[in-house]
Amino acid sequence: MSAAPRRSRKRARQWALTVLDQETAGSHKLQTWAALNRRRAELIRRHYTGGLNEAEDREMAELQAALDRTLEPWDQELSRRLAL
């Protein structure tokens, strides 16, 4: 692997870590994000192991949609940086 792709990947990783750090600055926001993500993971596990009721299925879809909306700008920026 040439040096240019390695540098590009390193910059992308550094950028991602910086964005995550900025987005989770402040312990309340971080705690809220962590709690919502734990709940989302719990619902995903239950979805595949025992199933969810309708309310839980809606909750899982809402949590996933919120995660997707949050990560979409990061995904776009990361894709742009990797394409350089």
Foldseek 3Di string as FASTA:
>chain_A
DDPVLVVLVVVLVVVVVVVVCVQCPDPVSVVVLVVLVVLLVVLVVCCVPPRDDPVSVVSNVVSVVVVCVVCVVSVVVSVVSSVD
